[in-house]
Amino acid sequence: MKIDIEHLKTMTGGDVDLADEVLDIFRNQSATWGRMLDADLPQEQWADAAHTLKGSALSIGAIEFGEACSVVEQLGRGDTVSRVVAATHLSDLKALLSEVIEACATASYELSKPGLR
């Protein structure tokens, strides 16, 4: 999983400090939304969580994760799915979310390099 730093910098007007702050916000809010990726919750709720994570991911340049969120969101917006199917998709998405959070730390480190400031 990777963060597109150039995309992130574009989204933050080239302000590296703001880009780093946006990564922190994503990491912090991901904890809340990640808890909602739960097959025991109503389907609409985890679909909403996937939607919110998708938008946040795309804004920071986590395109691959955003696409995975879109798949789960569409699943949740469709016909009722079994708990097993939901749990499988949500578990996979949570694993990817962990990878994105780690990628945010890597991106923050990259942003701290003198050549980017």
N, C-alpha and C. Protein backbone atom coordinates (compact mmCIF):
# COMPACT_ATOMS: atom_id res chain seq x y z
N MET A 1 0.86 -1.17 0.00
CA MET A 1 0.00 0.00 0.00
C MET A 1 0.91 1.23 0.00
N LYS A 2 0.52 2.21 -0.77
CA LYS A 2 1.36 3.39 -0.93
C LYS A 2 0.51 4.65 -0.95
N ILE A 3 1.11 5.72 -0.46
CA ILE A 3 0.51 7.04 -0.53
C ILE A 3 1.19 7.78 -1.68
N ASP A 4 0.42 8.34 -2.58
CA ASP A 4 0.97 9.14 -3.68
C ASP A 4 1.27 10.53 -3.12
N ILE A 5 2.53 10.74 -2.77
CA ILE A 5 2.92 11.99 -2.12
C ILE A 5 2.70 13.19 -3.02
N GLU A 6 2.93 13.03 -4.30
CA GLU A 6 2.71 14.15 -5.23
C GLU A 6 1.23 14.54 -5.26
N HIS A 7 0.36 13.54 -5.26
CA HIS A 7 -1.09 13.81 -5.21
C HIS A 7 -1.43 14.54 -3.91
N LEU A 8 -0.90 14.05 -2.80
CA LEU A 8 -1.14 14.66 -1.50
C LEU A 8 -0.67 16.11 -1.49
N LYS A 9 0.52 16.34 -2.02
CA LYS A 9 1.04 17.72 -2.06
C LYS A 9 0.16 18.61 -2.94
N THR A 10 -0.34 18.07 -4.04
CA THR A 10 -1.24 18.84 -4.90
C THR A 10 -2.52 19.19 -4.14
N MET A 11 -3.05 18.22 -3.42
CA MET A 11 -4.29 18.44 -2.66
C MET A 11 -4.12 19.45 -1.53
N THR A 12 -2.90 19.62 -1.07
CA THR A 12 -2.63 20.57 0.02
C THR A 12 -1.89 21.81 -0.47
N GLY A 13 -1.97 22.07 -1.77
CA GLY A 13 -1.37 23.28 -2.32
C GLY A 13 0.14 23.35 -2.17
N GLY A 14 0.78 22.20 -2.08
CA GLY A 14 2.24 22.18 -1.94
C GLY A 14 2.74 22.46 -0.54
N ASP A 15 1.82 22.63 0.39
CA ASP A 15 2.20 22.92 1.79
C ASP A 15 2.52 21.59 2.47
N VAL A 16 3.81 21.34 2.66
CA VAL A 16 4.26 20.06 3.22
C VAL A 16 3.78 19.88 4.65
N ASP A 17 3.77 20.96 5.43
CA ASP A 17 3.29 20.85 6.81
C ASP A 17 1.80 20.48 6.84
N LEU A 18 1.03 21.09 5.95
CA LEU A 18 -0.39 20.78 5.87
C LEU A 18 -0.58 19.33 5.41
N ALA A 19 0.23 18.89 4.46
CA ALA A 19 0.15 17.50 3.99
C ALA A 19 0.39 16.54 5.14
N ASP A 20 1.37 16.83 5.95
CA ASP A 20 1.66 15.98 7.11
C ASP A 20 0.51 16.01 8.11
N GLU A 21 -0.08 17.17 8.29
CA GLU A 21 -1.22 17.29 9.20
C GLU A 21 -2.42 16.49 8.68
N VAL A 22 -2.64 16.52 7.38
CA VAL A 22 -3.73 15.76 6.77
C VAL A 22 -3.52 14.26 6.98
N LEU A 23 -2.28 13.81 6.87
CA LEU A 23 -1.98 12.40 7.14
C LEU A 23 -2.31 12.04 8.59
N ASP A 24 -1.97 12.94 9.51
CA ASP A 24 -2.30 12.70 10.93
C ASP A 24 -3.81 12.62 11.14
N ILE A 25 -4.54 13.51 10.50
CA ILE A 25 -6.00 13.50 10.62
C ILE A 25 -6.55 12.19 10.07
N PHE A 26 -6.03 11.75 8.93
CA PHE A 26 -6.49 10.48 8.36
C PHE A 26 -6.24 9.34 9.34
N ARG A 27 -5.04 9.29 9.91
CA ARG A 27 -4.72 8.21 10.85
C ARG A 27 -5.66 8.24 12.05
N ASN A 28 -5.90 9.41 12.60
CA ASN A 28 -6.77 9.53 13.78
C ASN A 28 -8.21 9.16 13.46
N GLN A 29 -8.73 9.64 12.35
CA GLN A 29 -10.12 9.36 12.00
C GLN A 29 -10.31 7.91 11.55
N SER A 30 -9.26 7.31 11.04
CA SER A 30 -9.35 5.92 10.59
C SER A 30 -9.68 4.99 11.74
N ALA A 31 -9.24 5.32 12.92
CA ALA A 31 -9.55 4.48 14.08
C ALA A 31 -11.06 4.43 14.31
N THR A 32 -11.69 5.58 14.21
CA THR A 32 -13.14 5.65 14.40
C THR A 32 -13.88 4.92 13.29
N TRP A 33 -13.55 5.24 12.06
CA TRP A 33 -14.26 4.62 10.94
C TRP A 33 -13.94 3.15 10.82
N GLY A 34 -12.72 2.77 11.17
CA GLY A 34 -12.34 1.36 11.12
C GLY A 34 -13.17 0.50 12.04
N ARG A 35 -13.55 1.04 13.20
CA ARG A 35 -14.41 0.29 14.13
C ARG A 35 -15.79 0.03 13.54
N MET A 36 -16.20 0.85 12.59
CA MET A 36 -17.51 0.67 11.98
C MET A 36 -17.49 -0.36 10.85
N LEU A 37 -16.31 -0.85 10.50
CA LEU A 37 -16.21 -1.91 9.50
C LEU A 37 -16.43 -3.24 10.21
N ASP A 38 -17.65 -3.44 10.62
CA ASP A 38 -18.01 -4.58 11.46
C ASP A 38 -19.28 -5.23 10.91
N ALA A 39 -19.18 -6.50 10.57
CA ALA A 39 -20.31 -7.22 9.98
C ALA A 39 -21.49 -7.35 10.94
N ASP A 40 -21.27 -7.11 12.23
CA ASP A 40 -22.37 -7.17 13.19
C ASP A 40 -23.19 -5.88 13.20
N LEU A 41 -22.68 -4.84 12.57
CA LEU A 41 -23.42 -3.59 12.46
C LEU A 41 -24.36 -3.67 11.26
N PRO A 42 -25.37 -2.80 11.23
CA PRO A 42 -26.24 -2.77 10.05
C PRO A 42 -25.42 -2.49 8.78
N GLN A 43 -25.82 -3.11 7.72
CA GLN A 43 -25.11 -3.01 6.44
C GLN A 43 -24.91 -1.56 6.02
N GLU A 44 -25.91 -0.73 6.23
CA GLU A 44 -25.83 0.68 5.86
C GLU A 44 -24.69 1.39 6.60
N GLN A 45 -24.48 1.02 7.86
CA GLN A 45 -23.43 1.68 8.65
C GLN A 45 -22.04 1.34 8.14
N TRP A 46 -21.78 0.06 7.85
CA TRP A 46 -20.44 -0.24 7.37
C TRP A 46 -20.23 0.25 5.95
N ALA A 47 -21.31 0.35 5.17
CA ALA A 47 -21.19 0.93 3.83
C ALA A 47 -20.86 2.42 3.94
N ASP A 48 -21.49 3.11 4.89
CA ASP A 48 -21.18 4.52 5.12
C ASP A 48 -19.73 4.70 5.57
N ALA A 49 -19.25 3.82 6.43
CA ALA A 49 -17.86 3.89 6.88
C ALA A 49 -16.91 3.70 5.70
N ALA A 50 -17.21 2.73 4.85
CA ALA A 50 -16.37 2.49 3.67
C ALA A 50 -16.39 3.72 2.75
N HIS A 51 -17.55 4.35 2.62
CA HIS A 51 -17.66 5.55 1.79
C HIS A 51 -16.79 6.68 2.34
N THR A 52 -16.87 6.90 3.63
CA THR A 52 -16.08 7.96 4.26
C THR A 52 -14.58 7.68 4.14
N LEU A 53 -14.20 6.45 4.38
CA LEU A 53 -12.79 6.08 4.24
C LEU A 53 -12.32 6.24 2.80
N LYS A 54 -13.19 5.92 1.85
CA LYS A 54 -12.86 6.07 0.43
C LYS A 54 -12.51 7.52 0.12
N GLY A 55 -13.37 8.43 0.52
CA GLY A 55 -13.12 9.85 0.26
C GLY A 55 -11.85 10.34 0.90
N SER A 56 -11.63 9.95 2.13
CA SER A 56 -10.40 10.36 2.83
C SER A 56 -9.17 9.77 2.18
N ALA A 57 -9.26 8.51 1.79
CA ALA A 57 -8.13 7.83 1.16
C ALA A 57 -7.77 8.50 -0.16
N LEU A 58 -8.77 8.79 -0.96
CA LEU A 58 -8.50 9.41 -2.26
C LEU A 58 -7.90 10.80 -2.09
N SER A 59 -8.28 11.50 -1.04
CA SER A 59 -7.74 12.85 -0.83
C SER A 59 -6.27 12.84 -0.42
N ILE A 60 -5.82 11.76 0.22
CA ILE A 60 -4.41 11.70 0.62
C ILE A 60 -3.56 10.94 -0.40
N GLY A 61 -4.17 10.42 -1.44
CA GLY A 61 -3.41 9.71 -2.46
C GLY A 61 -3.27 8.22 -2.20
N ALA A 62 -4.15 7.65 -1.37
CA ALA A 62 -4.16 6.20 -1.13
C ALA A 62 -5.18 5.60 -2.10
N ILE A 63 -4.84 5.65 -3.37
CA ILE A 63 -5.77 5.30 -4.44
C ILE A 63 -6.21 3.84 -4.37
N GLU A 64 -5.27 2.94 -4.17
CA GLU A 64 -5.59 1.51 -4.12
C GLU A 64 -6.56 1.21 -2.98
N PHE A 65 -6.32 1.83 -1.83
CA PHE A 65 -7.22 1.63 -0.70
C PHE A 65 -8.59 2.24 -0.99
N GLY A 66 -8.60 3.41 -1.61
CA GLY A 66 -9.87 4.04 -1.97
C GLY A 66 -10.70 3.15 -2.88
N GLU A 67 -10.03 2.49 -3.82
CA GLU A 67 -10.74 1.58 -4.71
C GLU A 67 -11.31 0.38 -3.95
N ALA A 68 -10.55 -0.14 -2.99
CA ALA A 68 -11.03 -1.26 -2.17
C ALA A 68 -12.23 -0.82 -1.33
N CYS A 69 -12.19 0.40 -0.82
CA CYS A 69 -13.32 0.94 -0.06
C CYS A 69 -14.56 1.05 -0.95
N SER A 70 -14.36 1.44 -2.18
CA SER A 70 -15.47 1.57 -3.12
C SER A 70 -16.16 0.22 -3.34
N VAL A 71 -15.39 -0.84 -3.45
CA VAL A 71 -15.95 -2.18 -3.64
C VAL A 71 -16.83 -2.55 -2.44
N VAL A 72 -16.31 -2.31 -1.24
CA VAL A 72 -17.06 -2.64 -0.02
C VAL A 72 -18.29 -1.75 0.10
N GLU A 73 -18.14 -0.49 -0.23
CA GLU A 73 -19.29 0.42 -0.18
C GLU A 73 -20.39 -0.07 -1.11
N GLN A 74 -20.03 -0.43 -2.34
CA GLN A 74 -21.03 -0.91 -3.30
C GLN A 74 -21.70 -2.20 -2.83
N LEU A 75 -20.90 -3.07 -2.21
CA LEU A 75 -21.46 -4.29 -1.64
C LEU A 75 -22.53 -3.93 -0.61
N GLY A 76 -22.21 -2.98 0.24
CA GLY A 76 -23.13 -2.58 1.31
C GLY A 76 -24.34 -1.81 0.82
N ARG A 77 -24.23 -1.20 -0.33
CA ARG A 77 -25.36 -0.43 -0.88
C ARG A 77 -26.30 -1.31 -1.71
N GLY A 78 -25.89 -2.54 -1.98
CA GLY A 78 -26.70 -3.44 -2.80
C GLY A 78 -27.66 -4.24 -1.96
N ASP A 79 -28.03 -5.37 -2.48
CA ASP A 79 -28.93 -6.28 -1.77
C ASP A 79 -28.29 -6.72 -0.46
N THR A 80 -29.11 -7.18 0.44
CA THR A 80 -28.62 -7.67 1.72
C THR A 80 -27.62 -8.80 1.50
N VAL A 81 -26.47 -8.69 2.17
CA VAL A 81 -25.45 -9.74 2.05
C VAL A 81 -25.39 -10.52 3.36
N SER A 82 -24.94 -11.74 3.27
CA SER A 82 -24.82 -12.55 4.48
C SER A 82 -23.73 -11.98 5.38
N ARG A 83 -23.83 -12.31 6.64
CA ARG A 83 -22.82 -11.86 7.60
C ARG A 83 -21.45 -12.41 7.22
N VAL A 84 -21.40 -13.64 6.72
CA VAL A 84 -20.12 -14.25 6.34
C VAL A 84 -19.46 -13.48 5.20
N VAL A 85 -20.25 -13.15 4.18
CA VAL A 85 -19.71 -12.39 3.05
C VAL A 85 -19.25 -11.02 3.52
N ALA A 86 -20.08 -10.36 4.31
CA ALA A 86 -19.72 -9.04 4.82
C ALA A 86 -18.45 -9.12 5.66
N ALA A 87 -18.38 -10.09 6.55
CA ALA A 87 -17.22 -10.23 7.43
C ALA A 87 -15.94 -10.46 6.64
N THR A 88 -16.03 -11.24 5.58
CA THR A 88 -14.85 -11.50 4.75
C THR A 88 -14.36 -10.22 4.10
N HIS A 89 -15.25 -9.49 3.47
CA HIS A 89 -14.86 -8.24 2.80
C HIS A 89 -14.37 -7.19 3.80
N LEU A 90 -15.06 -7.10 4.91
CA LEU A 90 -14.69 -6.09 5.91
C LEU A 90 -13.35 -6.43 6.56
N SER A 91 -13.09 -7.69 6.78
CA SER A 91 -11.81 -8.10 7.34
C SER A 91 -10.67 -7.75 6.38
N ASP A 92 -10.88 -8.02 5.10
CA ASP A 92 -9.87 -7.67 4.10
C ASP A 92 -9.63 -6.16 4.07
N LEU A 93 -10.72 -5.40 4.15
CA LEU A 93 -10.58 -3.94 4.12
C LEU A 93 -9.85 -3.42 5.36
N LYS A 94 -10.13 -4.02 6.52
CA LYS A 94 -9.43 -3.62 7.74
C LYS A 94 -7.93 -3.90 7.63
N ALA A 95 -7.58 -5.02 7.01
CA ALA A 95 -6.16 -5.34 6.82
C ALA A 95 -5.50 -4.29 5.93
N LEU A 96 -6.21 -3.89 4.88
CA LEU A 96 -5.67 -2.85 4.00
C LEU A 96 -5.58 -1.51 4.73
N LEU A 97 -6.55 -1.24 5.59
CA LEU A 97 -6.51 0.00 6.37
C LEU A 97 -5.26 0.04 7.24
N SER A 98 -4.91 -1.06 7.84
CA SER A 98 -3.67 -1.12 8.64
C SER A 98 -2.46 -0.80 7.78
N GLU A 99 -2.46 -1.32 6.56
CA GLU A 99 -1.35 -1.04 5.64
C GLU A 99 -1.30 0.44 5.27
N VAL A 100 -2.47 1.05 5.07
CA VAL A 100 -2.51 2.48 4.72
C VAL A 100 -2.02 3.33 5.88
N ILE A 101 -2.40 2.97 7.08
CA ILE A 101 -1.93 3.72 8.25
C ILE A 101 -0.41 3.65 8.34
N GLU A 102 0.15 2.48 8.07
CA GLU A 102 1.61 2.35 8.05
C GLU A 102 2.20 3.18 6.90
N ALA A 103 1.54 3.19 5.76
CA ALA A 103 2.01 3.99 4.62
C ALA A 103 1.97 5.48 4.94
N CYS A 104 1.01 5.89 5.76
CA CYS A 104 0.95 7.30 6.19
C CYS A 104 2.19 7.67 6.98
N ALA A 105 2.64 6.77 7.84
CA ALA A 105 3.85 7.02 8.62
C ALA A 105 5.06 7.15 7.69
N THR A 106 5.12 6.29 6.69
CA THR A 106 6.21 6.36 5.72
C THR A 106 6.14 7.67 4.94
N ALA A 107 4.95 8.06 4.53
CA ALA A 107 4.79 9.32 3.80
C ALA A 107 5.17 10.51 4.66
N SER A 108 4.80 10.48 5.94
CA SER A 108 5.19 11.57 6.85
C SER A 108 6.71 11.68 6.93
N TYR A 109 7.36 10.54 7.00
CA TYR A 109 8.82 10.53 7.02
C TYR A 109 9.38 11.13 5.73
N GLU A 110 8.82 10.73 4.60
CA GLU A 110 9.28 11.26 3.31
C GLU A 110 9.07 12.77 3.24
N LEU A 111 7.95 13.24 3.76
CA LEU A 111 7.67 14.67 3.75
C LEU A 111 8.64 15.47 4.64
N SER A 112 9.22 14.78 5.63
CA SER A 112 10.12 15.48 6.55
C SER A 112 11.52 15.67 5.98
N LYS A 113 11.81 15.03 4.86
CA LYS A 113 13.14 15.15 4.26
C LYS A 113 13.37 16.58 3.80
N PRO A 114 14.57 17.10 3.99
CA PRO A 114 14.86 18.49 3.68
C PRO A 114 14.51 18.91 2.24
N GLY A 115 14.66 18.04 1.28
CA GLY A 115 14.38 18.40 -0.11
C GLY A 115 12.93 18.68 -0.40
N LEU A 116 12.03 18.23 0.45
CA LEU A 116 10.60 18.45 0.24
C LEU A 116 10.07 19.66 1.00
N ARG A 117 10.83 20.19 1.88
CA ARG A 117 10.36 21.32 2.70
C ARG A 117 10.65 22.63 2.01
